[in-house]
Amino acid sequence: MQIINATYLNNFTIELEFDDHKKNTINFLPALKKYPNCSKFLDITSFKKFKIDSGNIVWGKNWDMIFTVESLYNNKL
């Protein structure tokens, strides 16, 4: 299972589309607050700089923040 598309909606919410065409709308804000190593992405400008790489949604040059595809697919961060 892979992410094939990610669309920023608003605030910290992104719509993800998976390779089986399932779509989930995910609010990342609770996870950003929960995990201290993600705190730099509480800045909305930084948060919006995500990309799809190897079927994952990632932030930062070295995948500074990443969540498992399975947790995103099941909408359970």
Protein backbone atom coordinates (compact mmCIF):
# COMPACT_ATOMS: atom_id res chain seq x y z
CA MET A 1 0.00 0.00 0.00
CA GLN A 2 1.31 3.44 -0.95
CA ILE A 3 0.21 7.05 -0.94
CA ILE A 4 -0.14 8.35 -4.48
CA ASN A 5 -1.48 11.85 -3.82
CA ALA A 6 -1.69 14.33 -0.96
CA THR A 7 -3.71 17.54 -1.02
CA TYR A 8 -3.44 20.20 1.66
CA LEU A 9 -6.97 21.26 2.69
CA ASN A 10 -6.66 23.68 5.62
CA ASN A 11 -5.01 24.15 8.99
CA PHE A 12 -3.19 20.85 9.54
CA THR A 13 -5.52 18.71 7.43
CA ILE A 14 -4.44 16.77 4.36
CA GLU A 15 -6.43 14.50 2.08
CA LEU A 16 -4.44 11.39 1.21
CA GLU A 17 -5.14 9.08 -1.71
CA PHE A 18 -3.77 5.55 -1.63
CA ASP A 19 -2.88 3.26 -4.52
CA ASP A 20 -6.23 1.45 -4.17
CA HIS A 21 -7.90 4.91 -4.61
CA LYS A 22 -9.13 5.02 -1.01
CA LYS A 23 -9.05 8.60 0.32
CA ASN A 24 -8.69 9.68 3.93
CA THR A 25 -8.86 13.20 5.30
CA ILE A 26 -6.45 13.44 8.21
CA ASN A 27 -5.98 16.18 10.77
CA PHE A 28 -2.31 15.93 11.75
CA LEU A 29 -2.50 18.53 14.56
CA PRO A 30 -3.12 16.05 17.42
CA ALA A 31 -0.13 13.95 16.32
CA LEU A 32 2.07 17.03 15.99
CA LYS A 33 1.21 17.99 19.55
CA LYS A 34 1.63 14.43 20.83
CA TYR A 35 5.13 13.78 19.45
CA PRO A 36 7.76 16.30 20.62
CA ASN A 37 10.08 15.55 17.69
CA CYS A 38 7.35 16.85 15.35
CA SER A 39 6.97 20.21 17.08
CA LYS A 40 8.86 22.18 14.42
CA PHE A 41 6.07 21.29 12.00
CA LEU A 42 3.52 23.09 14.18
CA ASP A 43 4.51 26.07 12.05
CA ILE A 44 1.95 25.92 9.22
CA THR A 45 4.49 27.07 6.62
CA SER A 46 6.77 24.15 7.51
CA PHE A 47 3.85 21.75 7.70
CA LYS A 48 2.72 22.61 4.17
CA LYS A 49 6.12 21.57 2.75
CA PHE A 50 5.30 17.86 2.67
CA LYS A 51 6.05 15.61 -0.29
CA ILE A 52 5.31 12.11 -1.48
CA ASP A 53 8.46 10.01 -1.54
CA SER A 54 8.53 6.27 -2.13
CA GLY A 55 4.81 6.01 -1.36
CA ASN A 56 5.06 7.90 1.94
CA ILE A 57 4.13 11.41 2.94
CA VAL A 58 7.22 13.00 4.46
CA TRP A 59 8.43 16.32 5.77
CA GLY A 60 11.99 17.65 5.75
CA LYS A 61 15.03 16.84 3.64
CA ASN A 62 15.81 13.66 5.52
CA TRP A 63 12.28 12.50 6.27
CA ASP A 64 12.34 14.45 9.55
CA MET A 65 8.70 13.53 10.09
CA ILE A 66 6.94 10.48 8.73
CA PHE A 67 3.99 8.35 9.79
CA THR A 68 3.42 4.74 8.80
CA VAL A 69 1.30 4.30 5.71
CA GLU A 70 -0.78 1.71 7.57
CA SER A 71 -1.68 4.17 10.33
CA LEU A 72 -2.64 6.80 7.75
CA TYR A 73 -4.63 4.27 5.73
CA ASN A 74 -6.54 3.25 8.87
CA ASN A 75 -6.79 6.89 9.99
CA LYS A 76 -5.19 6.05 13.34
CA LEU A 77 -2.31 8.35 14.15
